[in-house]
């Protein structure tokens, strides 16, 4: 005997199944990212193998390739997660109505530096392979992610600073994009300096003077007096380079 079925009930069941499957897939993918991040921090990216990730999770090679097409693709997601986590923690600082814009900007960059410091082994492991030709796509994804996550925070701070009469910029949004680009360049140069310093090719004084040049560029773009920002202070640099 045929019993008519409400199509809405069928659709609801199908959609629920898709949601459950999607959530399960996301959880499984996150497990691979978690394992990859732990292994990169413990062993280093170059020493880590896909088999290490599989052993960590007792997973099959097919399961890994269901989510990632290579080890580089896994690194890409790890770096993306690092950027998101570092910038997400800065939201309360940017939204704090009691802080002036200049203080917010300093706290934003010191907050990023602090987040990295708490994960020094992971950050150093990524830095050691960052300049590899194999990671060109990873660096581009990092650049794109930084625009999306850091750009709006900087624009909000710069807009406040302009309203306060502290920052001398025509367009806060455009100035934020310039600062994001400058930050990307600073990140690249800092990695190059780290590699060179590790190889004893440059003294610490070169690191200090190079970072000081970027700090000066930030100040000039914003139109604030020299010495207004403490980005890349000597104590922070020595933590990473000595």
Protein backbone atom coordinates (compact mmCIF):
# COMPACT_ATOMS: atom_id res chain seq x y z
CA UNK A 1 0.00 0.00 0.00
CA UNK A 2 1.29 3.48 -0.90
CA UNK A 3 1.43 6.11 1.78
CA UNK A 4 1.92 9.70 0.63
CA UNK A 5 4.95 11.37 2.12
CA UNK A 6 5.35 15.06 2.90
CA UNK A 7 8.24 16.28 0.73
CA UNK A 8 9.13 18.83 3.38
CA UNK A 9 9.83 16.00 5.84
CA UNK A 10 12.08 14.28 3.30
CA UNK A 11 13.95 17.53 2.62
CA UNK A 12 14.36 18.17 6.32
CA UNK A 13 15.84 14.72 6.84
CA UNK A 14 18.18 15.14 3.88
CA UNK A 15 19.33 18.55 5.05
CA UNK A 16 19.90 17.25 8.58
CA UNK A 17 22.01 14.40 7.25
CA UNK A 18 24.06 16.83 5.18
CA UNK A 19 24.58 19.09 8.19
CA UNK A 20 25.70 16.17 10.36
CA UNK A 21 28.05 14.92 7.65
CA UNK A 22 29.44 18.40 7.11
CA UNK A 23 30.07 18.88 10.82
CA UNK A 24 31.70 15.47 11.12
CA UNK A 25 33.92 16.25 8.15
CA UNK A 26 34.95 19.58 9.69
CA UNK A 27 35.79 17.91 13.01
CA UNK A 28 37.88 15.26 11.26
CA UNK A 29 39.71 17.86 9.19
CA UNK A 30 40.45 19.87 12.34
CA UNK A 31 41.92 16.73 13.89
CA UNK A 32 44.41 16.50 11.03
CA UNK A 33 45.28 20.20 11.43
CA UNK A 34 45.72 19.76 15.19
CA UNK A 35 48.04 16.82 14.62
CA UNK A 36 49.99 18.65 11.94
CA UNK A 37 50.43 21.68 14.18
CA UNK A 38 51.63 19.55 17.10
CA UNK A 39 54.13 17.69 14.92
CA UNK A 40 55.44 20.85 13.25
CA UNK A 41 56.03 22.32 16.67
CA UNK A 42 57.65 19.16 18.05
CA UNK A 43 59.67 17.93 15.07
CA UNK A 44 59.76 20.75 12.54
CA UNK A 45 57.93 20.84 9.23
CA UNK A 46 60.69 19.30 7.12
CA UNK A 47 61.16 16.41 9.54
CA UNK A 48 57.42 15.76 9.77
CA UNK A 49 56.02 13.24 7.30
CA UNK A 50 52.47 12.50 6.26
CA UNK A 51 52.95 9.10 7.86
CA UNK A 52 53.69 10.85 11.17
CA UNK A 53 50.31 12.57 10.92
CA UNK A 54 48.60 9.28 10.13
CA UNK A 55 50.28 7.55 13.06
CA UNK A 56 49.27 10.40 15.36
CA UNK A 57 45.61 9.87 14.49
CA UNK A 58 45.66 6.17 13.60
CA UNK A 59 44.26 7.23 10.22
CA UNK A 60 44.64 5.94 6.69
CA UNK A 61 46.50 7.68 3.90
CA UNK A 62 43.24 7.89 1.99
CA UNK A 63 41.67 9.77 4.88
CA UNK A 64 44.46 12.34 4.80
CA UNK A 65 44.15 12.88 1.05
CA UNK A 66 40.42 13.28 1.42
CA UNK A 67 41.14 16.64 3.09
CA UNK A 68 44.61 17.66 1.84
CA UNK A 69 46.33 17.03 -1.46
CA UNK A 70 49.84 17.38 0.02
CA UNK A 71 51.88 18.14 3.11
CA UNK A 72 52.18 21.73 1.88
CA UNK A 73 48.37 21.99 1.83
CA UNK A 74 48.32 20.97 5.49
CA UNK A 75 50.94 23.62 6.31
CA UNK A 76 48.79 26.18 4.50
CA UNK A 77 45.83 25.47 6.79
CA UNK A 78 48.06 25.51 9.89
CA UNK A 79 49.39 28.95 8.94
CA UNK A 80 45.88 30.17 8.14
CA UNK A 81 44.71 29.04 11.57
CA UNK A 82 47.67 30.80 13.22
CA UNK A 83 46.79 34.09 11.51
CA UNK A 84 43.12 33.80 12.46
CA UNK A 85 43.89 32.94 16.09
CA UNK A 86 46.45 35.73 16.49
CA UNK A 87 44.16 38.42 15.10
CA UNK A 88 40.95 37.15 16.75
CA UNK A 89 42.44 37.75 20.17
CA UNK A 90 42.92 41.43 19.30
CA UNK A 91 39.24 42.26 18.84
CA UNK A 92 38.66 43.37 22.47
CA UNK A 93 41.63 45.75 22.29
CA UNK A 94 40.35 47.40 19.14
CA UNK A 95 36.82 47.67 20.56
CA UNK A 96 37.91 49.12 23.93
CA UNK A 97 36.38 52.64 24.09
CA UNK A 98 38.75 53.72 26.86
CA UNK A 99 41.92 53.31 24.80
CA UNK A 100 43.24 56.03 22.47
CA UNK A 101 44.12 54.98 18.93
CA UNK A 102 47.89 55.14 19.38
CA UNK A 103 47.73 52.86 22.41
CA UNK A 104 45.47 50.47 20.51
CA UNK A 105 47.93 50.28 17.63
CA UNK A 106 50.82 49.52 19.95
CA UNK A 107 48.75 46.89 21.79
CA UNK A 108 47.66 45.34 18.52
CA UNK A 109 51.22 44.74 17.40
CA UNK A 110 52.45 43.79 20.87
CA UNK A 111 49.50 41.40 21.10
CA UNK A 112 50.54 39.67 17.88
CA UNK A 113 54.13 39.50 19.15
CA UNK A 114 52.94 38.05 22.47
CA UNK A 115 50.80 35.43 20.74
CA UNK A 116 53.82 34.35 18.69
CA UNK A 117 56.06 34.32 21.76
CA UNK A 118 53.72 31.91 23.53
CA UNK A 119 54.10 29.56 20.54
CA UNK A 120 57.76 30.19 19.82
CA UNK A 121 58.62 26.63 18.78
CA UNK A 122 55.75 26.49 16.30
CA UNK A 123 56.56 29.92 14.86
CA UNK A 124 60.27 29.08 14.52
CA UNK A 125 59.43 25.77 12.85
CA UNK A 126 57.32 27.60 10.26
CA UNK A 127 59.94 30.33 9.80
CA UNK A 128 62.63 27.80 8.96
CA UNK A 129 60.71 26.61 5.90
CA UNK A 130 58.87 29.84 5.08
CA UNK A 131 61.22 30.97 2.28
CA UNK A 132 61.24 27.63 0.48
CA UNK A 133 60.10 27.68 -3.16
CA UNK A 134 57.71 24.86 -2.24
CA UNK A 135 55.83 27.27 0.02
CA UNK A 136 55.14 30.04 -2.50
CA UNK A 137 51.41 29.27 -2.42
CA UNK A 138 51.45 29.19 1.38
CA UNK A 139 53.03 32.66 1.49
CA UNK A 140 50.39 34.00 -0.91
CA UNK A 141 47.59 32.48 1.16
CA UNK A 142 49.12 34.06 4.23
CA UNK A 143 49.16 37.43 2.47
CA UNK A 144 45.51 37.12 1.48
CA UNK A 145 44.49 36.02 4.98
CA UNK A 146 46.32 38.93 6.57
CA UNK A 147 44.39 41.39 4.38
CA UNK A 148 41.09 39.86 5.49
CA UNK A 149 41.88 39.58 9.22
CA UNK A 150 44.29 42.39 10.05
CA UNK A 151 43.08 45.00 7.55
CA UNK A 152 39.71 45.78 9.19
CA UNK A 153 41.28 46.02 12.65
CA UNK A 154 43.89 48.50 11.43
CA UNK A 155 41.27 50.52 9.54
CA UNK A 156 39.15 50.84 12.67
CA UNK A 157 42.10 52.03 14.73
CA UNK A 158 43.28 54.47 12.08
CA UNK A 159 39.77 55.86 11.68
CA UNK A 160 39.65 56.51 15.42
CA UNK A 161 43.10 58.10 15.34
CA UNK A 162 42.06 60.40 12.54
CA UNK A 163 38.98 61.45 14.50
CA UNK A 164 41.21 62.12 17.51
CA UNK A 165 43.52 64.25 15.36
CA UNK A 166 46.45 61.96 16.07
CA UNK A 167 46.83 60.25 12.68
CA UNK A 168 47.27 62.37 9.57
CA UNK A 169 45.81 60.22 6.78
CA UNK A 170 43.39 60.95 3.96
CA UNK A 171 41.67 57.57 3.89
CA UNK A 172 41.82 55.18 6.89
CA UNK A 173 40.91 52.21 4.71
CA UNK A 174 43.66 52.95 2.18
CA UNK A 175 46.17 53.61 4.96
CA UNK A 176 45.23 50.27 6.55
CA UNK A 177 45.85 48.45 3.27
CA UNK A 178 49.27 50.10 3.02
CA UNK A 179 50.13 49.10 6.59
CA UNK A 180 49.03 45.53 5.95
CA UNK A 181 51.32 45.42 2.90
CA UNK A 182 54.11 46.88 5.00
CA UNK A 183 53.47 44.29 7.70
CA UNK A 184 53.69 41.53 5.12
CA UNK A 185 56.99 42.90 3.92
CA UNK A 186 58.24 43.20 7.49
CA UNK A 187 57.28 39.59 8.15
CA UNK A 188 59.18 38.45 5.06
CA UNK A 189 62.25 40.51 5.94
CA UNK A 190 62.15 39.34 9.57
CA UNK A 191 62.25 35.75 8.35
CA UNK A 192 65.20 36.51 6.07
CA UNK A 193 66.98 38.26 8.96
CA UNK A 194 66.32 35.29 11.23
CA UNK A 195 67.78 32.83 8.75
CA UNK A 196 70.81 35.07 8.12
CA UNK A 197 71.40 35.65 11.83
CA UNK A 198 71.12 31.93 12.56
CA UNK A 199 73.84 31.38 9.97
CA UNK A 200 75.98 34.09 11.63
CA UNK A 201 75.84 36.08 8.41
CA UNK A 202 74.65 39.30 10.06
CA UNK A 203 75.05 40.81 13.54
CA UNK A 204 72.12 41.65 15.80
CA UNK A 205 72.66 45.36 15.10
CA UNK A 206 71.57 44.83 11.50
CA UNK A 207 68.35 43.26 12.73
CA UNK A 208 67.69 46.24 14.99
CA UNK A 209 68.36 48.85 12.31
CA UNK A 210 66.22 47.07 9.72
CA UNK A 211 63.25 46.72 12.05
CA UNK A 212 63.68 50.35 13.11
CA UNK A 213 63.31 51.36 9.45
CA UNK A 214 59.94 49.61 9.29
CA UNK A 215 58.84 51.27 12.52
CA UNK A 216 59.81 54.65 11.06
CA UNK A 217 57.80 53.86 7.90
CA UNK A 218 54.71 53.08 10.02
CA UNK A 219 55.06 56.41 11.83
CA UNK A 220 55.49 58.40 8.64
CA UNK A 221 52.47 56.80 6.98
CA UNK A 222 50.33 57.69 9.99
CA UNK A 223 51.86 61.13 10.36
CA UNK A 224 52.93 60.68 13.99
CA UNK A 225 56.21 61.89 15.56
CA UNK A 226 59.24 59.61 15.51
CA UNK A 227 59.29 57.32 18.52
CA UNK A 228 55.50 57.23 18.87
CA UNK A 229 55.38 53.48 18.26
CA UNK A 230 57.23 50.70 20.05
CA UNK A 231 56.86 48.06 17.33
CA UNK A 232 59.85 45.71 17.26
CA UNK A 233 61.45 46.96 20.46
CA UNK A 234 64.88 45.66 21.42
CA UNK A 235 63.59 43.30 24.13
CA UNK A 236 61.23 41.57 21.68
CA UNK A 237 63.92 41.25 19.04
CA UNK A 238 66.39 39.74 21.47
CA UNK A 239 63.77 37.19 22.50
CA UNK A 240 63.72 35.89 18.93
CA UNK A 241 67.23 36.51 17.68
CA UNK A 242 69.55 35.85 20.63
